[in-house]
C-alpha atoms as a PDB file:
ATOM      1  CA  MET A   1      34.989-120.466   1.918  1.00  0.00           C
ATOM      2  CA  ALA A   2      36.677-123.674   2.936  1.00  0.00           C
ATOM      3  CA  GLY A   3      33.568-125.734   2.303  1.00  0.00           C
ATOM      4  CA  SER A   4      33.013-129.155   3.836  1.00  0.00           C
ATOM      5  CA  THR A   5      36.262-130.431   5.317  1.00  0.00           C
ATOM      6  CA  THR A   6      37.484-133.128   7.633  1.00  0.00           C
ATOM      7  CA  THR A   7      37.165-130.557  10.390  1.00  0.00           C
ATOM      8  CA  THR A   8      33.499-129.796   9.755  1.00  0.00           C
ATOM      9  CA  LEU A   9      32.595-133.409   8.995  1.00  0.00           C
ATOM     10  CA  ASN A  10      34.640-134.939  11.808  1.00  0.00           C
ATOM     11  CA  ASP A  11      31.616-136.733  13.291  1.00  0.00           C
ATOM     12  CA  LEU A  12      31.277-138.750  10.082  1.00  0.00           C
ATOM     13  CA  LEU A  13      34.843-140.006   9.948  1.00  0.00           C
ATOM     14  CA  PRO A  14      35.467-143.514  11.265  1.00  0.00           C
ATOM     15  CA  SER A  15      38.092-144.059  13.939  1.00  0.00           C
ATOM     16  CA  ILE A  16      40.454-146.880  13.135  1.00  0.00           C
ATOM     17  CA  VAL A  17      41.960-148.607  16.163  1.00  0.00           C
ATOM     18  CA  ALA A  18      45.126-150.496  15.309  1.00  0.00           C
ATOM     19  CA  GLU A  19      46.108-153.832  16.790  1.00  0.00           C
ATOM     20  CA  ALA A  20      47.056-153.462  20.424  1.00  0.00           C
ATOM     21  CA  MET A  21      50.705-152.834  21.190  1.00  0.00           C
ATOM     22  CA  PHE A  22      52.179-154.498  24.249  1.00  0.00           C
ATOM     23  CA  VAL A  23      55.133-152.906  25.956  1.00  0.00           C
ATOM     24  CA  ALA A  24      57.787-155.489  25.192  1.00  0.00           C
ATOM     25  CA  GLY A  25      58.747-157.895  27.937  1.00  0.00           C
ATOM     26  CA  GLU A  26      61.666-160.203  27.400  1.00  0.00           C
ATOM     27  CA  ARG A  27      61.016-163.856  26.746  1.00  0.00           C
ATOM     28  CA  SER A  28      60.994-166.088  29.799  1.00  0.00           C
ATOM     29  CA  ILE A  29      64.101-168.287  29.756  1.00  0.00           C
ATOM     30  CA  MET A  30      64.697-169.811  33.174  1.00  0.00           C
ATOM     31  CA  ARG A  31      61.934-172.396  33.219  1.00  0.00           C
ATOM     32  CA  GLY A  32      63.651-174.310  30.439  1.00  0.00           C
ATOM     33  CA  LEU A  33      67.072-174.118  32.088  1.00  0.00           C
ATOM     34  CA  VAL A  34      66.226-175.660  35.468  1.00  0.00           C
ATOM     35  CA  LYS A  35      64.793-178.903  36.801  1.00  0.00           C
ATOM     36  CA  ASN A  36      60.975-178.906  36.721  1.00  0.00           C
ATOM     37  CA  TYR A  37      58.710-180.789  39.125  1.00  0.00           C
ATOM     38  CA  THR A  38      54.937-180.933  38.655  1.00  0.00           C
ATOM     39  CA  LEU A  39      52.644-181.782  41.546  1.00  0.00           C
ATOM     40  CA  SER A  40      49.167-183.095  40.935  1.00  0.00           C
ATOM     41  CA  PRO A  41      46.283-181.660  42.969  1.00  0.00           C
ATOM     42  CA  GLY A  42      46.114-183.335  46.370  1.00  0.00           C
ATOM     43  CA  GLN A  43      49.836-184.073  46.583  1.00  0.00           C
ATOM     44  CA  GLY A  44      50.576-181.271  49.026  1.00  0.00           C
ATOM     45  CA  LYS A  45      52.572-178.106  48.444  1.00  0.00           C
ATOM     46  CA  THR A  46      56.151-179.235  49.025  1.00  0.00           C
ATOM     47  CA  VAL A  47      58.625-181.239  46.982  1.00  0.00           C
ATOM     48  CA  THR A  48      61.464-183.003  48.751  1.00  0.00           C
ATOM     49  CA  VAL A  49      64.251-183.868  46.328  1.00  0.00           C
ATOM     50  CA  PRO A  50      66.647-186.565  47.627  1.00  0.00           C
ATOM     51  CA  ILE A  51      70.261-185.887  46.677  1.00  0.00           C
ATOM     52  CA  TYR A  52      72.667-188.814  46.398  1.00  0.00           C
ATOM     53  CA  PRO A  53      76.346-187.932  46.764  1.00  0.00           C
ATOM     54  CA  LEU A  54      78.920-189.072  44.226  1.00  0.00           C
ATOM     55  CA  GLN A  55      80.389-192.463  45.081  1.00  0.00           C
ATOM     56  CA  THR A  56      83.851-193.889  44.440  1.00  0.00           C
ATOM     57  CA  ALA A  57      84.579-197.503  43.621  1.00  0.00           C
ATOM     58  CA  VAL A  58      87.847-199.161  44.741  1.00  0.00           C
ATOM     59  CA  GLY A  59      89.907-202.071  43.555  1.00  0.00           C
ATOM     60  CA  VAL A  60      89.334-205.398  45.310  1.00  0.00           C
ATOM     61  CA  THR A  61      91.815-208.228  45.818  1.00  0.00           C
ATOM     62  CA  GLU A  62      90.571-211.498  44.418  1.00  0.00           C
ATOM     63  CA  GLY A  63      88.893-213.568  47.095  1.00  0.00           C
ATOM     64  CA  ASP A  64      88.379-210.648  49.490  1.00  0.00           C
ATOM     65  CA  GLU A  65      84.997-209.390  50.549  1.00  0.00           C
ATOM     66  CA  VAL A  66      83.883-206.103  49.024  1.00  0.00           C
ATOM     67  CA  GLY A  67      83.753-203.416  51.695  1.00  0.00           C
ATOM     68  CA  ASN A  68      80.427-201.984  52.826  1.00  0.00           C
ATOM     69  CA  THR A  69      79.775-198.403  51.724  1.00  0.00           C
ATOM     70  CA  ALA A  70      77.326-196.350  53.771  1.00  0.00           C
ATOM     71  CA  VAL A  71      75.387-194.076  51.443  1.00  0.00           C
ATOM     72  CA  SER A  72      73.960-190.981  53.124  1.00  0.00           C
ATOM     73  CA  THR A  73      71.553-188.778  51.215  1.00  0.00           C
ATOM     74  CA  ASP A  74      70.854-185.091  51.540  1.00  0.00           C
ATOM     75  CA  SER A  75      67.699-183.321  50.344  1.00  0.00           C
ATOM     76  CA  ALA A  76      66.361-180.054  48.991  1.00  0.00           C
ATOM     77  CA  LEU A  77      62.906-178.742  49.837  1.00  0.00           C
ATOM     78  CA  LEU A  78      60.800-176.702  47.413  1.00  0.00           C
ATOM     79  CA  THR A  79      57.722-175.055  48.917  1.00  0.00           C
ATOM     80  CA  VAL A  80      54.914-173.926  46.648  1.00  0.00           C
ATOM     81  CA  THR A  81      53.322-170.508  47.141  1.00  0.00           C
ATOM     82  CA  THR A  82      51.083-168.390  44.912  1.00  0.00           C
ATOM     83  CA  ALA A  83      51.787-165.399  42.689  1.00  0.00           C
ATOM     84  CA  ALA A  84      48.855-163.551  41.158  1.00  0.00           C
ATOM     85  CA  ILE A  85      47.681-160.353  39.465  1.00  0.00           C
ATOM     86  CA  ARG A  86      44.086-159.084  39.063  1.00  0.00           C
ATOM     87  CA  THR A  87      42.099-156.260  37.553  1.00  0.00           C
ATOM     88  CA  LEU A  88      38.418-155.389  37.310  1.00  0.00           C
ATOM     89  CA  VAL A  89      37.319-154.493  33.782  1.00  0.00           C
ATOM     90  CA  THR A  90      34.046-152.588  33.623  1.00  0.00           C
ATOM     91  CA  ASP A  91      31.292-153.547  31.235  1.00  0.00           C
ATOM     92  CA  LEU A  92      31.492-150.101  29.706  1.00  0.00           C
ATOM     93  CA  ALA A  93      35.201-150.515  28.968  1.00  0.00           C
ATOM     94  CA  VAL A  94      34.555-153.824  27.228  1.00  0.00           C
ATOM     95  CA  ALA A  95      31.514-152.574  25.306  1.00  0.00           C
ATOM     96  CA  SER A  96      33.180-149.398  24.077  1.00  0.00           C
ATOM     97  CA  ALA A  97      36.607-150.802  23.225  1.00  0.00           C
ATOM     98  CA  ALA A  98      37.443-151.703  19.645  1.00  0.00           C
ATOM     99  CA  SER A  99      39.888-154.391  20.726  1.00  0.00           C
ATOM    100  CA  ASN A 100      39.506-157.558  22.790  1.00  0.00           C
ATOM    101  CA  VAL A 101      40.263-156.022  26.178  1.00  0.00           C
ATOM    102  CA  VAL A 102      39.816-159.249  28.130  1.00  0.00           C
ATOM    103  CA  GLY A 103      42.082-161.204  25.801  1.00  0.00           C
ATOM    104  CA  ASP A 104      44.728-158.486  25.804  1.00  0.00           C
ATOM    105  CA  LEU A 105      44.799-158.261  29.587  1.00  0.00           C
ATOM    106  CA  GLY A 106      44.926-162.038  29.890  1.00  0.00           C
ATOM    107  CA  ARG A 107      48.045-162.146  27.736  1.00  0.00           C
ATOM    108  CA  LEU A 108      49.575-159.202  29.615  1.00  0.00           C
ATOM    109  CA  PHE A 109      48.994-160.819  33.013  1.00  0.00           C
ATOM    110  CA  GLY A 110      50.244-164.218  31.865  1.00  0.00           C
ATOM    111  CA  GLU A 111      53.522-162.654  30.797  1.00  0.00           C
ATOM    112  CA  ALA A 112      53.749-160.873  34.159  1.00  0.00           C
ATOM    113  CA  ILE A 113      53.520-164.202  36.009  1.00  0.00           C
ATOM    114  CA  ALA A 114      56.189-165.753  33.753  1.00  0.00           C
ATOM    115  CA  ARG A 115      58.546-162.867  34.514  1.00  0.00           C
ATOM    116  CA  LYS A 116      57.906-163.320  38.243  1.00  0.00           C
ATOM    117  CA  VAL A 117      58.985-166.962  37.984  1.00  0.00           C
ATOM    118  CA  ASP A 118      62.148-165.943  36.118  1.00  0.00           C
ATOM    119  CA  THR A 119      62.917-163.227  38.671  1.00  0.00           C
ATOM    120  CA  ASP A 120      62.683-165.685  41.568  1.00  0.00           C
ATOM    121  CA  LEU A 121      64.861-168.285  39.838  1.00  0.00           C
ATOM    122  CA  LEU A 122      67.477-165.733  38.783  1.00  0.00           C
ATOM    123  CA  ALA A 123      67.764-164.456  42.361  1.00  0.00           C
ATOM    124  CA  LEU A 124      68.974-167.918  43.433  1.00  0.00           C
ATOM    125  CA  MET A 125      72.210-167.519  41.467  1.00  0.00           C
ATOM    126  CA  SER A 126      73.567-165.107  44.071  1.00  0.00           C
ATOM    127  CA  GLY A 127      73.274-167.932  46.604  1.00  0.00           C
ATOM    128  CA  PHE A 128      75.852-170.225  45.000  1.00  0.00           C
ATOM    129  CA  SER A 129      78.717-170.613  47.473  1.00  0.00           C
ATOM    130  CA  GLY A 130      81.325-170.809  44.706  1.00  0.00           C
ATOM    131  CA  THR A 131      81.930-167.633  42.715  1.00  0.00           C
ATOM    132  CA  VAL A 132      84.143-166.243  39.966  1.00  0.00           C
ATOM    133  CA  GLY A 133      84.763-162.651  38.924  1.00  0.00           C
ATOM    134  CA  ALA A 134      84.878-159.578  41.162  1.00  0.00           C
ATOM    135  CA  VAL A 135      82.696-156.632  42.192  1.00  0.00           C
ATOM    136  CA  ASP A 136      85.206-154.192  40.733  1.00  0.00           C
ATOM    137  CA  ALA A 137      85.905-155.928  37.414  1.00  0.00           C
ATOM    138  CA  ALA A 138      84.091-156.222  34.085  1.00  0.00           C
ATOM    139  CA  LEU A 139      83.035-159.625  32.806  1.00  0.00           C
ATOM    140  CA  SER A 140      85.368-161.339  30.346  1.00  0.00           C
ATOM    141  CA  ALA A 141      85.435-164.626  28.492  1.00  0.00           C
ATOM    142  CA  ALA A 142      88.174-165.774  30.871  1.00  0.00           C
ATOM    143  CA  VAL A 143      85.746-165.500  33.797  1.00  0.00           C
ATOM    144  CA  ILE A 144      83.214-167.723  32.021  1.00  0.00           C
ATOM    145  CA  ALA A 145      86.016-170.188  31.245  1.00  0.00           C
ATOM    146  CA  LYS A 146      86.972-170.221  34.924  1.00  0.00           C
ATOM    147  CA  ALA A 147      83.380-170.971  35.913  1.00  0.00           C
ATOM    148  CA  ALA A 148      83.239-173.802  33.368  1.00  0.00           C
ATOM    149  CA  ALA A 149      86.544-175.203  34.633  1.00  0.00           C
ATOM    150  CA  THR A 150      85.299-175.036  38.223  1.00  0.00           C
ATOM    151  CA  LEU A 151      82.181-177.035  37.418  1.00  0.00           C
ATOM    152  CA  ARG A 152      83.972-179.617  35.300  1.00  0.00           C
ATOM    153  CA  ALA A 153      86.628-180.087  37.985  1.00  0.00           C
ATOM    154  CA  ARG A 154      83.758-181.008  40.307  1.00  0.00           C
ATOM    155  CA  GLY A 155      82.631-183.651  37.833  1.00  0.00           C
ATOM    156  CA  VAL A 156      79.529-181.735  36.733  1.00  0.00           C
ATOM    157  CA  PRO A 157      78.275-183.083  33.361  1.00  0.00           C
ATOM    158  CA  ALA A 158      79.195-180.872  30.424  1.00  0.00           C
ATOM    159  CA  GLN A 159      75.659-181.184  29.013  1.00  0.00           C
ATOM    160  CA  ASP A 160      72.752-179.027  30.230  1.00  0.00           C
ATOM    161  CA  LEU A 161      74.942-176.136  31.371  1.00  0.00           C
ATOM    162  CA  ALA A 162      73.859-172.522  30.944  1.00  0.00           C
ATOM    163  CA  CYS A 163      75.154-169.055  31.700  1.00  0.00           C
ATOM    164  CA  VAL A 164      72.827-166.122  32.450  1.00  0.00           C
ATOM    165  CA  VAL A 165      74.030-162.551  33.001  1.00  0.00           C
ATOM    166  CA  ASN A 166      72.536-159.066  33.068  1.00  0.00           C
ATOM    167  CA  PRO A 167      72.672-157.166  29.722  1.00  0.00           C
ATOM    168  CA  TYR A 168      74.872-154.455  31.244  1.00  0.00           C
ATOM    169  CA  VAL A 169      77.376-157.152  32.191  1.00  0.00           C
ATOM    170  CA  ALA A 170      76.993-158.890  28.819  1.00  0.00           C
ATOM    171  CA  TYR A 171      78.101-155.656  27.144  1.00  0.00           C
ATOM    172  CA  ASP A 172      81.587-156.055  28.616  1.00  0.00           C
ATOM    173  CA  LEU A 173      81.689-159.719  27.634  1.00  0.00           C
ATOM    174  CA  LYS A 174      80.913-158.798  24.010  1.00  0.00           C
ATOM    175  CA  ALA A 175      83.481-156.010  24.113  1.00  0.00           C
ATOM    176  CA  ASN A 176      86.066-158.468  25.415  1.00  0.00           C
ATOM    177  CA  LEU A 177      85.271-160.998  22.692  1.00  0.00           C
ATOM    178  CA  THR A 178      85.480-158.438  19.903  1.00  0.00           C
ATOM    179  CA  ASN A 179      88.357-156.280  21.171  1.00  0.00           C
ATOM    180  CA  THR A 180      85.926-153.480  22.001  1.00  0.00           C
ATOM    181  CA  PHE A 181      83.847-154.260  18.930  1.00  0.00           C
ATOM    182  CA  ALA A 182      86.778-154.069  16.498  1.00  0.00           C
ATOM    183  CA  ASN A 183      86.411-157.815  15.759  1.00  0.00           C
ATOM    184  CA  PRO A 184      90.088-158.384  14.847  1.00  0.00           C
ATOM    185  CA  ASN A 185      89.999-162.155  14.819  1.00  0.00           C
ATOM    186  CA  GLY A 186      86.943-162.737  12.676  1.00  0.00           C
ATOM    187  CA  GLY A 187      86.104-165.989  14.449  1.00  0.00           C
ATOM    188  CA  LEU A 188      82.635-167.519  14.613  1.00  0.00           C
ATOM    189  CA  VAL A 189      81.849-166.247  18.104  1.00  0.00           C
ATOM    190  CA  GLN A 190      83.212-162.791  17.367  1.00  0.00           C
ATOM    191  CA  ASN A 191      81.224-162.536  14.138  1.00  0.00           C
ATOM    192  CA  GLU A 192      78.030-163.634  15.882  1.00  0.00           C
ATOM    193  CA  ALA A 193      78.506-161.087  18.645  1.00  0.00           C
ATOM    194  CA  MET A 194      79.206-158.329  16.135  1.00  0.00           C
ATOM    195  CA  SER A 195      76.425-159.086  13.664  1.00  0.00           C
ATOM    196  CA  THR A 196      73.551-160.015  15.979  1.00  0.00           C
ATOM    197  CA  GLY A 197      74.636-158.993  19.471  1.00  0.00           C
ATOM    198  CA  TYR A 198      74.072-162.574  20.641  1.00  0.00           C
ATOM    199  CA  VAL A 199      77.043-164.076  22.451  1.00  0.00           C
ATOM    200  CA  GLY A 200      76.085-167.635  21.570  1.00  0.00           C
ATOM    201  CA  MET A 201      78.152-170.539  22.892  1.00  0.00           C
ATOM    202  CA  LEU A 202      81.268-170.028  24.984  1.00  0.00           C
ATOM    203  CA  PHE A 203      83.281-173.089  25.970  1.00  0.00           C
ATOM    204  CA  GLY A 204      80.282-175.277  25.164  1.00  0.00           C
ATOM    205  CA  ILE A 205      77.937-173.186  27.330  1.00  0.00           C
ATOM    206  CA  PRO A 206      75.049-171.122  25.897  1.00  0.00           C
ATOM    207  CA  VAL A 207      75.116-167.562  27.240  1.00  0.00           C
ATOM    208  CA  TYR A 208      71.792-165.836  27.915  1.00  0.00           C
ATOM    209  CA  GLU A 209      70.963-162.292  28.973  1.00  0.00           C
ATOM    210  CA  SER A 210      68.190-161.273  31.345  1.00  0.00           C
ATOM    211  CA  SER A 211      67.287-157.806  32.556  1.00  0.00           C
ATOM    212  CA  LEU A 212      65.494-159.472  35.462  1.00  0.00           C
ATOM    213  CA  ILE A 213      68.796-160.084  37.262  1.00  0.00           C
ATOM    214  CA  ALA A 214      68.644-157.446  39.971  1.00  0.00           C
ATOM    215  CA  ASN A 215      71.448-155.110  40.939  1.00  0.00           C
ATOM    216  CA  ASN A 216      73.136-156.326  44.125  1.00  0.00           C
ATOM    217  CA  GLY A 217      72.829-152.936  45.779  1.00  0.00           C
ATOM    218  CA  THR A 218      75.898-151.268  44.271  1.00  0.00           C
ATOM    219  CA  THR A 219      75.626-149.430  40.960  1.00  0.00           C
ATOM    220  CA  GLY A 220      76.764-151.625  38.084  1.00  0.00           C
ATOM    221  CA  ASP A 221      77.241-154.772  40.172  1.00  0.00           C
ATOM    222  CA  TYR A 222      75.289-157.885  39.209  1.00  0.00           C
ATOM    223  CA  VAL A 223      75.539-161.566  40.061  1.00  0.00           C
ATOM    224  CA  GLY A 224      74.799-163.956  37.232  1.00  0.00           C
ATOM    225  CA  GLY A 225      75.662-167.615  37.095  1.00  0.00           C
ATOM    226  CA  VAL A 226      76.920-170.648  35.242  1.00  0.00           C
ATOM    227  CA  PHE A 227      74.980-173.703  36.323  1.00  0.00           C
ATOM    228  CA  HIS A 228      73.777-177.179  35.447  1.00  0.00           C
ATOM    229  CA  ARG A 229      70.062-177.801  34.972  1.00  0.00           C
ATOM    230  CA  GLU A 230      69.905-179.726  38.268  1.00  0.00           C
ATOM    231  CA  ALA A 231      71.423-176.883  40.314  1.00  0.00           C
ATOM    232  CA  LEU A 232      68.048-175.131  40.605  1.00  0.00           C
ATOM    233  CA  GLY A 233      64.504-176.413  40.809  1.00  0.00           C
ATOM    234  CA  LEU A 234      61.007-175.206  39.971  1.00  0.00           C
ATOM    235  CA  ALA A 235      58.021-176.946  41.553  1.00  0.00           C
ATOM    236  CA  MET A 236      54.545-176.288  40.134  1.00  0.00           C
ATOM    237  CA  ILE A 237      50.979-177.242  40.873  1.00  0.00           C
ATOM    238  CA  GLY A 238      49.415-176.914  37.445  1.00  0.00           C
ATOM    239  CA  ASP A 239      50.624-174.031  35.291  1.00  0.00           C
ATOM    240  CA  ILE A 240      49.838-170.369  34.727  1.00  0.00           C
ATOM    241  CA  ASN A 241      46.080-170.022  35.109  1.00  0.00           C
ATOM    242  CA  ILE A 242      44.103-167.137  33.624  1.00  0.00           C
ATOM    243  CA  GLU A 243      40.433-166.887  34.513  1.00  0.00           C
ATOM    244  CA  THR A 244      37.543-164.441  34.492  1.00  0.00           C
ATOM    245  CA  GLN A 245      34.674-163.960  36.903  1.00  0.00           C
ATOM    246  CA  ARG A 246      31.594-161.840  36.443  1.00  0.00           C
ATOM    247  CA  ARG A 247      31.017-159.256  39.213  1.00  0.00           C
ATOM    248  CA  ALA A 248      27.513-157.948  38.612  1.00  0.00           C
ATOM    249  CA  SER A 249      27.468-155.540  41.555  1.00  0.00           C
ATOM    250  CA  PHE A 250      30.455-153.746  40.028  1.00  0.00           C
ATOM    251  CA  LEU A 251      29.117-154.008  36.474  1.00  0.00           C
ATOM    252  CA  GLY A 252      32.367-155.592  35.447  1.00  0.00           C
ATOM    253  CA  THR A 253      34.492-158.705  35.188  1.00  0.00           C
ATOM    254  CA  ASP A 254      37.520-159.745  37.202  1.00  0.00           C
ATOM    255  CA  ILE A 255      40.526-160.967  35.211  1.00  0.00           C
ATOM    256  CA  VAL A 256      42.952-162.950  37.349  1.00  0.00           C
ATOM    257  CA  ALA A 257      46.239-164.623  36.447  1.00  0.00           C
ATOM    258  CA  SER A 258      47.889-166.883  38.979  1.00  0.00           C
ATOM    259  CA  MET A 259      50.396-169.656  39.420  1.00  0.00           C
ATOM    260  CA  HIS A 260      51.251-171.974  42.295  1.00  0.00           C
ATOM    261  CA  TYR A 261      54.984-172.575  42.283  1.00  0.00           C
ATOM    262  CA  GLY A 262      58.129-172.718  44.377  1.00  0.00           C
ATOM    263  CA  VAL A 263      61.806-172.347  43.561  1.00  0.00           C
ATOM    264  CA  GLY A 264      64.968-173.391  45.316  1.00  0.00           C
ATOM    265  CA  GLU A 265      68.569-174.457  45.052  1.00  0.00           C
ATOM    266  CA  LEU A 266      68.858-178.206  44.621  1.00  0.00           C
ATOM    267  CA  TYR A 267      72.613-178.782  44.601  1.00  0.00           C
ATOM    268  CA  ASP A 268      75.047-175.971  45.342  1.00  0.00           C
ATOM    269  CA  GLY A 269      78.008-177.718  43.742  1.00  0.00           C
ATOM    270  CA  TYR A 270      76.298-177.612  40.337  1.00  0.00           C
ATOM    271  CA  GLY A 271      76.385-173.817  40.120  1.00  0.00           C
ATOM    272  CA  VAL A 272      78.909-170.969  40.204  1.00  0.00           C
ATOM    273  CA  GLY A 273      77.991-167.332  40.780  1.00  0.00           C
ATOM    274  CA  VAL A 274      79.396-164.912  38.191  1.00  0.00           C
ATOM    275  CA  ILE A 275      80.158-161.544  39.818  1.00  0.00           C
ATOM    276  CA  ALA A 276      80.839-158.529  37.625  1.00  0.00           C
ATOM    277  CA  ASP A 277      80.774-154.761  37.588  1.00  0.00           C
ATOM    278  CA  SER A 278      79.430-153.190  34.403  1.00  0.00           C
ATOM    279  CA  SER A 279      81.738-150.617  32.837  1.00  0.00           C
ATOM    280  CA  ILE A 280      78.837-148.600  31.429  1.00  0.00           C
ATOM    281  CA  LEU A 281      77.125-147.813  34.753  1.00  0.00           C
END
């Protein structure tokens, strides 16, 4: 006879529930790369950002009156709307679960709102009137250099620039830097791309990857961007808010995550769209 085994004594064995695993979502990046505006409650739901054009001084002959310069401003309007996600968690689910269901869902929903903000900001890059690259060509370091040259020729400050591209497009950039991953030059950028997969700095511009950059409708084609912090804006009333509310008639609790925010292009001349066609799609 087999005797008493884990099969016959299964009711006595404890069930160990491990720490919850969250399906990985990439870290939100865009909020720190754009201009942020925070509205206090009662200040309305729009932000009007005045834009002063660049001015040019001229030489003046001694004794002559300085000419009058008419300064005309433009403006950008950011309108705040709401993004939210909700679920009803039953009392039974909470009582029978070994983990903190409410806390886990709060974290999950907060990350969902952060990705929504990134998605909306990233979509603005396809609206830059100036572009580099092509829909039938892979991304190369030369294309990033051209974008940087375009911005600097416009007088855009070299500080606070960033480049964001889709990972499929970044693959070709890394291949270009490393001679299709052969790394013949052994330079700092090549070594970083080979050892960690992170492109790092190119021409003084940090290069980021985001899977939230949507395909433009054609397989393999994505529009990223090289831009200054003040090219794009994010207006917020408060921050991400996660709250719970008891719903006795449903024998459960609502968990709601929300954020009041708006995004928009502030100054078109401070950004360049980066068009590329991934070679692996």
